[in-house]
């Protein structure tokens, strides 16, 4: 008898499932009568909505059949909000958040209160969502910024002990040109950073430098250096320590205060013990940037810059320096016969650029140039 009952209910469920996938509303109604389940009521609601009917009673039945399943509460809440039944929508979202510890119910509640422009409730549920988040939280960060563009307040919401989420706060604020407000958060993340956290922190440094916020960039860069996560020494403009990787002790990373080597088909570079070899194909533009580096400096102080001399080497014609502020505006500079370029720092960070400029009356340089290093120091 037991086997027979089991076979009967299995067959009944299979037939109900078949009917629930029919394109006919009557067939789906028969399905829920044969076997009332949350999934079959959801399919009935979909077909009823497709035909212009009200799916809410069917979704309420689905939620009632599985009262501990947050999924049906969320589905009911979304449809109730679309129908304008805000009371049912809010109750359903809250029930889902009570039933589930996951991110999605809290995120949907935050969205709900954002649409109502209820800042207090939005703040409560956005914080709850961040506390349980995994993966990409950029859409919720965007809602936070739109409801109240408070950079320091947002930085303070970054969850402690969850660097994979807090780093997204950091990058969001950096991209909104709020690097100063995010500095404390960046240093907090740096204090516990691992090697896998470096890309986000270095991207933050880059953004600071693009905006001319040398203080924030230097603080994070130095903290990473002191923790041994970067192979460079800490920078200290007050003591004249402004250059990173000046002798090319390690391959340029292209991030933060390290060298950025231009990527072009006519340029190749190879580091060796004692410097760098740049090879120009001869097809380069008559004026082009080869390498650049940001450097922290003392505003108002005079500096001088040159390539370190290479013993018994013939200087390459056409190599020269250009110094600019973070916005790209070239600074006035003086050149002397020893190869030094002297300039006055207008702000706390400058960009040093090694250029190739074809000398008048000569062909483009084609060949390899050896660079022993770069020298940057305060002018006497």
Protein backbone atom coordinates (compact mmCIF):
# COMPACT_ATOMS: atom_id res chain seq x y z
CA UNK A 1 0.00 0.00 0.00
CA UNK A 2 2.82 2.37 0.91
CA UNK A 3 4.56 1.75 -2.39
CA UNK A 4 1.32 2.31 -4.25
CA UNK A 5 0.67 5.62 -2.47
CA UNK A 6 4.19 6.75 -3.22
CA UNK A 7 3.81 5.96 -6.91
CA UNK A 8 0.44 7.76 -6.95
CA UNK A 9 1.80 10.99 -5.48
CA UNK A 10 4.88 10.87 -7.68
CA UNK A 11 2.70 10.55 -10.76
CA UNK A 12 0.38 13.31 -9.49
CA UNK A 13 3.32 15.66 -8.92
CA UNK A 14 4.77 14.91 -12.34
CA UNK A 15 1.42 15.64 -14.02
CA UNK A 16 0.98 18.85 -11.99
CA UNK A 17 4.47 19.96 -12.94
CA UNK A 18 3.68 19.30 -16.61
CA UNK A 19 0.44 21.29 -16.42
CA UNK A 20 2.17 24.20 -14.63
CA UNK A 21 4.40 24.73 -17.66
CA UNK A 22 1.51 24.93 -20.08
CA UNK A 23 0.75 28.18 -21.90
CA UNK A 24 -2.88 27.83 -20.82
CA UNK A 25 -3.96 29.55 -17.58
CA UNK A 26 -6.62 26.89 -16.90
CA UNK A 27 -3.97 24.15 -17.00
CA UNK A 28 -1.86 26.00 -14.45
CA UNK A 29 -4.90 26.40 -12.20
CA UNK A 30 -5.43 22.63 -12.38
CA UNK A 31 -1.78 22.13 -11.50
CA UNK A 32 -2.04 23.97 -8.15
CA UNK A 33 -5.23 22.08 -7.32
CA UNK A 34 -3.51 18.78 -7.99
CA UNK A 35 -0.39 19.68 -6.06
CA UNK A 36 -0.37 23.04 -4.24
CA UNK A 37 3.28 24.07 -3.96
CA UNK A 38 5.09 27.41 -3.87
CA UNK A 39 6.85 26.77 -7.19
CA UNK A 40 3.60 25.91 -9.01
CA UNK A 41 1.87 28.98 -7.57
CA UNK A 42 4.77 31.10 -8.81
CA UNK A 43 4.29 29.71 -12.32
CA UNK A 44 0.58 30.44 -12.07
CA UNK A 45 1.36 34.03 -10.99
CA UNK A 46 3.68 34.48 -13.98
CA UNK A 47 1.03 33.35 -16.46
CA UNK A 48 -1.70 35.41 -14.77
CA UNK A 49 0.51 38.51 -14.92
CA UNK A 50 1.37 37.79 -18.55
CA UNK A 51 -2.38 37.82 -19.35
CA UNK A 52 -2.93 41.10 -17.49
CA UNK A 53 -4.27 39.68 -14.25
CA UNK A 54 -3.26 40.27 -10.66
CA UNK A 55 -0.49 37.86 -9.58
CA UNK A 56 -0.38 38.98 -5.93
CA UNK A 57 -2.88 36.41 -4.52
CA UNK A 58 -0.91 33.58 -6.14
CA UNK A 59 2.39 34.89 -4.77
CA UNK A 60 0.83 35.24 -1.33
CA UNK A 61 -0.19 31.59 -1.56
CA UNK A 62 3.38 30.65 -2.50
CA UNK A 63 4.72 32.53 0.53
CA UNK A 64 2.13 30.95 2.82
CA UNK A 65 3.02 27.43 1.67
CA UNK A 66 6.70 27.94 2.52
CA UNK A 67 6.61 30.50 5.35
CA UNK A 68 10.30 30.04 6.25
CA UNK A 69 11.59 30.56 2.70
CA UNK A 70 12.81 34.12 2.17
CA UNK A 71 12.74 33.77 -1.61
CA UNK A 72 8.94 33.89 -1.81
CA UNK A 73 8.81 36.91 0.52
CA UNK A 74 11.21 38.77 -1.76
CA UNK A 75 9.26 37.81 -4.86
CA UNK A 76 6.05 38.96 -3.20
CA UNK A 77 7.62 42.21 -2.02
CA UNK A 78 8.92 43.13 -5.47
CA UNK A 79 5.57 42.49 -7.14
CA UNK A 80 3.61 44.25 -4.40
CA UNK A 81 5.78 47.35 -4.77
CA UNK A 82 5.21 47.36 -8.54
CA UNK A 83 1.46 47.11 -7.89
CA UNK A 84 1.57 50.03 -5.46
CA UNK A 85 0.75 47.96 -2.36
CA UNK A 86 3.58 49.49 -0.33
CA UNK A 87 2.39 48.10 2.99
CA UNK A 88 2.54 44.52 1.71
CA UNK A 89 5.86 45.23 -0.02
CA UNK A 90 7.51 46.57 3.13
CA UNK A 91 6.20 43.72 5.30
CA UNK A 92 7.39 41.15 2.78
CA UNK A 93 10.89 42.63 2.50
CA UNK A 94 11.23 42.77 6.28
CA UNK A 95 10.03 39.20 6.67
CA UNK A 96 12.60 38.10 4.10
CA UNK A 97 15.37 39.92 5.99
CA UNK A 98 14.24 38.21 9.21
CA UNK A 99 14.29 34.79 7.56
CA UNK A 100 17.60 35.16 5.73
CA UNK A 101 21.03 36.32 6.86
CA UNK A 102 22.16 36.98 3.31
CA UNK A 103 22.87 40.26 1.51
CA UNK A 104 20.01 40.30 -1.02
CA UNK A 105 17.04 40.91 1.35
CA UNK A 106 18.87 43.77 3.06
CA UNK A 107 19.95 45.27 -0.24
CA UNK A 108 16.37 45.17 -1.55
CA UNK A 109 15.11 46.81 1.66
CA UNK A 110 17.72 49.55 1.27
CA UNK A 111 16.56 50.03 -2.34
CA UNK A 112 12.94 50.20 -1.16
CA UNK A 113 13.67 52.95 1.36
CA UNK A 114 15.85 54.78 -1.18
CA UNK A 115 12.88 54.92 -3.52
CA UNK A 116 10.78 56.26 -0.65
CA UNK A 117 13.61 58.74 0.17
CA UNK A 118 13.52 57.56 3.79
CA UNK A 119 17.13 58.36 4.72
CA UNK A 120 16.98 56.92 8.26
CA UNK A 121 15.63 53.53 7.23
CA UNK A 122 17.88 53.49 4.17
CA UNK A 123 20.91 54.07 6.39
CA UNK A 124 19.91 51.25 8.75
CA UNK A 125 19.42 48.69 5.99
CA UNK A 126 22.38 49.75 3.86
CA UNK A 127 24.64 49.21 6.89
CA UNK A 128 23.03 45.81 7.47
CA UNK A 129 23.58 44.96 3.81
CA UNK A 130 27.26 45.95 3.88
CA UNK A 131 27.76 43.82 6.99
CA UNK A 132 26.62 40.70 5.10
CA UNK A 133 27.84 41.63 1.61
CA UNK A 134 29.94 39.54 -0.70
CA UNK A 135 31.04 40.40 -4.22
CA UNK A 136 30.22 43.71 -5.88
CA UNK A 137 28.59 46.39 -3.68
CA UNK A 138 29.05 49.28 -6.13
CA UNK A 139 25.27 49.66 -6.82
CA UNK A 140 24.57 50.10 -3.10
CA UNK A 141 27.47 52.53 -2.71
CA UNK A 142 26.00 54.55 -5.55
CA UNK A 143 22.64 54.71 -3.74
CA UNK A 144 24.41 55.86 -0.56
CA UNK A 145 26.10 58.66 -2.48
CA UNK A 146 22.89 59.70 -4.19
CA UNK A 147 20.87 59.90 -0.99
CA UNK A 148 23.61 61.84 0.85
CA UNK A 149 26.99 62.63 -0.76
CA UNK A 150 28.91 62.61 2.54
CA UNK A 151 32.39 61.25 1.83
CA UNK A 152 33.57 61.02 5.44
CA UNK A 153 30.32 59.45 6.56
CA UNK A 154 30.50 56.86 3.81
CA UNK A 155 34.13 56.06 4.60
CA UNK A 156 33.09 55.47 8.21
CA UNK A 157 30.55 52.84 7.10
CA UNK A 158 33.21 50.59 5.57
CA UNK A 159 32.95 47.33 7.54
CA UNK A 160 35.91 46.47 9.76
CA UNK A 161 37.51 43.07 9.30
CA UNK A 162 36.20 42.75 5.74
CA UNK A 163 38.89 44.26 3.48
CA UNK A 164 37.32 42.85 0.30
CA UNK A 165 34.27 45.07 0.95
CA UNK A 166 36.04 48.03 2.56
CA UNK A 167 38.40 48.30 -0.43
CA UNK A 168 35.36 48.88 -2.64
CA UNK A 169 34.43 51.86 -0.44
CA UNK A 170 37.96 53.15 -0.94
CA UNK A 171 37.86 52.89 -4.73
CA UNK A 172 34.35 54.36 -4.91
CA UNK A 173 35.43 57.45 -2.97
CA UNK A 174 38.64 57.78 -4.97
CA UNK A 175 36.73 57.72 -8.25
CA UNK A 176 34.45 60.43 -6.88
CA UNK A 177 37.52 62.58 -6.19
CA UNK A 178 37.21 62.17 -2.41
CA UNK A 179 40.72 60.85 -1.76
CA UNK A 180 41.31 63.09 1.25
CA UNK A 181 38.15 61.93 3.02
CA UNK A 182 39.14 58.32 2.30
CA UNK A 183 42.71 58.66 3.61
CA UNK A 184 41.96 57.26 7.08
CA UNK A 185 40.17 54.30 5.50
CA UNK A 186 43.10 53.71 3.14
CA UNK A 187 45.59 53.70 6.03
CA UNK A 188 43.33 51.36 8.00
CA UNK A 189 43.28 48.93 5.09
CA UNK A 190 47.03 49.30 4.61
CA UNK A 191 47.67 48.31 8.23
CA UNK A 192 46.32 44.81 7.60
CA UNK A 193 46.88 44.54 3.85
CA UNK A 194 48.16 41.38 2.20
CA UNK A 195 49.87 41.10 -1.16
CA UNK A 196 46.52 40.36 -2.82
CA UNK A 197 45.19 43.70 -1.51
CA UNK A 198 47.93 45.71 -3.23
CA UNK A 199 46.17 46.38 -6.58
CA UNK A 200 43.30 48.27 -4.95
CA UNK A 201 45.55 50.30 -2.66
CA UNK A 202 47.95 51.16 -5.50
CA UNK A 203 45.02 52.20 -7.68
CA UNK A 204 43.96 54.50 -4.83
CA UNK A 205 47.50 55.97 -4.83
CA UNK A 206 47.25 56.53 -8.58
CA UNK A 207 43.93 58.33 -8.23
CA UNK A 208 45.35 60.55 -5.49
CA UNK A 209 48.26 61.50 -7.73
CA UNK A 210 46.04 62.24 -10.71
CA UNK A 211 44.14 64.69 -8.48
CA UNK A 212 47.28 66.22 -7.01
CA UNK A 213 46.60 64.78 -3.53
CA UNK A 214 50.22 63.92 -2.83
CA UNK A 215 49.77 63.73 0.95
CA UNK A 216 47.22 60.89 0.78
CA UNK A 217 49.23 59.00 -1.83
CA UNK A 218 52.45 59.36 0.15
CA UNK A 219 50.83 58.19 3.39
CA UNK A 220 49.57 54.95 1.87
CA UNK A 221 52.71 54.37 -0.22
CA UNK A 222 55.01 54.80 2.76
CA UNK A 223 52.89 52.53 4.95
CA UNK A 224 53.10 49.79 2.29
CA UNK A 225 56.87 50.28 2.02
CA UNK A 226 57.37 50.11 5.79
CA UNK A 227 55.36 46.89 5.97
CA UNK A 228 57.56 45.33 3.29
CA UNK A 229 54.72 44.99 0.78
CA UNK A 230 56.62 47.19 -1.68
CA UNK A 231 60.35 46.88 -2.44
CA UNK A 232 61.03 50.59 -2.03
CA UNK A 233 62.07 52.89 0.80
CA UNK A 234 59.61 55.30 2.35
CA UNK A 235 59.58 58.78 0.85
CA UNK A 236 60.26 61.94 2.86
CA UNK A 237 60.28 65.17 0.89
CA UNK A 238 61.36 67.19 3.95
CA UNK A 239 64.58 65.15 4.08
CA UNK A 240 65.10 65.23 0.31
CA UNK A 241 64.00 61.63 -0.25
CA UNK A 242 61.69 62.15 -3.23
CA UNK A 243 62.74 59.59 -5.84
CA UNK A 244 61.58 55.96 -6.04
CA UNK A 245 63.58 53.21 -7.74
CA UNK A 246 66.08 55.79 -8.92
CA UNK A 247 68.67 53.20 -10.02
CA UNK A 248 66.06 50.73 -11.32
CA UNK A 249 66.79 48.26 -8.53
CA UNK A 250 63.63 46.37 -9.50
CA UNK A 251 61.36 46.33 -12.57
CA UNK A 252 59.15 49.43 -12.73
CA UNK A 253 55.61 48.64 -11.58
CA UNK A 254 53.81 51.54 -13.23
CA UNK A 255 51.90 52.30 -10.00
CA UNK A 256 52.07 54.98 -7.35
CA UNK A 257 55.45 56.67 -7.11
CA UNK A 258 57.29 54.06 -9.18
CA UNK A 259 58.33 54.53 -12.80
CA UNK A 260 55.78 54.32 -15.57
CA UNK A 261 57.43 53.11 -18.77
CA UNK A 262 55.54 54.05 -21.92
CA UNK A 263 54.08 51.15 -23.88
CA UNK A 264 54.60 51.60 -27.61
CA UNK A 265 55.72 49.38 -30.51
CA UNK A 266 58.75 51.58 -31.11
CA UNK A 267 60.05 51.34 -27.53
CA UNK A 268 61.49 48.44 -25.54
CA UNK A 269 63.22 48.48 -22.18
CA UNK A 270 65.27 45.92 -20.31
CA UNK A 271 66.43 46.28 -16.73
CA UNK A 272 69.89 45.07 -15.83
CA UNK A 273 72.04 45.13 -12.71
CA UNK A 274 72.93 48.77 -12.56
CA UNK A 275 70.32 50.46 -14.70
CA UNK A 276 67.97 50.30 -17.65
CA UNK A 277 68.45 49.92 -21.40
CA UNK A 278 65.95 51.70 -23.64
CA UNK A 279 65.78 50.66 -27.27
CA UNK A 280 64.19 52.99 -29.82
CA UNK A 281 63.29 51.57 -33.22
CA UNK A 282 63.70 54.83 -35.12
CA UNK A 283 59.96 54.92 -35.89
CA UNK A 284 59.08 56.88 -32.77
CA UNK A 285 57.47 60.34 -33.02
CA UNK A 286 59.83 63.30 -33.19
CA UNK A 287 58.72 64.21 -29.66
CA UNK A 288 57.53 61.52 -27.27
CA UNK A 289 57.45 60.51 -23.62
CA UNK A 290 59.58 57.48 -22.68
CA UNK A 291 59.13 57.20 -18.92
CA UNK A 292 57.65 59.19 -16.04
CA UNK A 293 57.43 59.21 -12.26
CA UNK A 294 55.54 61.17 -9.61
CA UNK A 295 57.67 62.58 -6.82
CA UNK A 296 56.71 64.23 -3.50
CA UNK A 297 58.44 67.58 -3.07
CA UNK A 298 58.49 70.59 -0.79
CA UNK A 299 56.36 73.41 -2.27
CA UNK A 300 58.48 76.45 -3.06
CA UNK A 301 61.78 74.55 -2.91
CA UNK A 302 64.19 74.37 -5.83
CA UNK A 303 65.24 70.99 -7.20
CA UNK A 304 67.60 69.71 -9.83
CA UNK A 305 67.20 66.58 -11.92
CA UNK A 306 69.34 64.64 -14.40
CA UNK A 307 70.21 61.18 -15.68
CA UNK A 308 73.07 59.65 -13.73
CA UNK A 309 76.26 59.84 -15.82
CA UNK A 310 77.37 56.58 -17.43
CA UNK A 311 81.19 56.29 -17.40
CA UNK A 312 82.80 56.24 -20.87
CA UNK A 313 79.39 56.34 -22.57
CA UNK A 314 78.50 58.76 -25.34
CA UNK A 315 75.42 60.78 -24.30
CA UNK A 316 72.37 60.06 -26.44
CA UNK A 317 71.19 63.09 -28.36
CA UNK A 318 67.55 63.95 -27.90
CA UNK A 319 66.92 62.72 -24.34
CA UNK A 320 65.65 65.45 -22.06
CA UNK A 321 63.45 66.04 -19.01
CA UNK A 322 60.12 67.74 -18.64
CA UNK A 323 58.67 68.48 -15.20
CA UNK A 324 54.96 69.18 -14.77
CA UNK A 325 52.39 69.60 -12.04
CA UNK A 326 49.77 66.84 -11.58
CA UNK A 327 47.42 68.56 -14.04
CA UNK A 328 50.05 68.20 -16.76
CA UNK A 329 51.12 71.85 -16.91
CA UNK A 330 54.86 72.05 -17.66
CA UNK A 331 56.97 73.96 -15.15
CA UNK A 332 59.54 76.55 -16.06
CA UNK A 333 63.02 75.04 -15.81
CA UNK A 334 66.67 75.96 -16.37
CA UNK A 335 69.27 73.67 -17.99
CA UNK A 336 72.99 73.83 -17.37
CA UNK A 337 75.99 72.33 -19.11
CA UNK A 338 76.31 69.44 -16.62
CA UNK A 339 72.92 68.04 -17.67
CA UNK A 340 71.02 69.27 -14.62
CA UNK A 341 67.48 70.58 -15.03
CA UNK A 342 66.55 73.01 -12.22
CA UNK A 343 62.95 73.84 -11.31
CA UNK A 344 60.86 75.19 -8.43
CA UNK A 345 58.16 72.92 -7.00
CA UNK A 346 54.77 74.67 -7.03
CA UNK A 347 52.94 72.04 -4.95
CA UNK A 348 53.51 68.87 -2.95
CA UNK A 349 53.91 66.55 -5.92
CA UNK A 350 55.40 66.86 -9.42
CA UNK A 351 55.64 64.52 -12.38
CA UNK A 352 59.05 63.90 -13.92
CA UNK A 353 59.01 62.93 -17.59
CA UNK A 354 61.91 61.54 -19.63
CA UNK A 355 61.36 62.69 -23.22
CA UNK A 356 62.84 62.04 -26.61
CA UNK A 357 63.00 65.12 -28.84
CA UNK A 358 64.64 64.77 -32.23
CA UNK A 359 67.41 67.38 -32.46
CA UNK A 360 67.11 69.74 -35.43
CA UNK A 361 69.10 68.59 -38.42
CA UNK A 362 69.40 64.96 -37.27
CA UNK A 363 67.60 61.72 -37.97
CA UNK A 364 65.49 59.96 -35.36
CA UNK A 365 67.49 58.01 -32.81
CA UNK A 366 67.53 54.26 -33.55
CA UNK A 367 69.37 52.05 -31.09
CA UNK A 368 69.87 51.34 -27.41
CA UNK A 369 70.46 53.91 -24.70
CA UNK A 370 71.88 52.87 -21.32
CA UNK A 371 70.55 54.68 -18.25
CA UNK A 372 72.48 54.11 -15.04
CA UNK A 373 69.86 55.87 -12.95
CA UNK A 374 68.18 59.15 -12.19
CA UNK A 375 69.28 61.83 -9.74
CA UNK A 376 66.84 64.22 -8.05
CA UNK A 377 67.98 66.48 -5.24
CA UNK A 378 67.32 69.85 -3.66
CA UNK A 379 69.27 72.54 -5.47
CA UNK A 380 72.06 74.14 -3.45
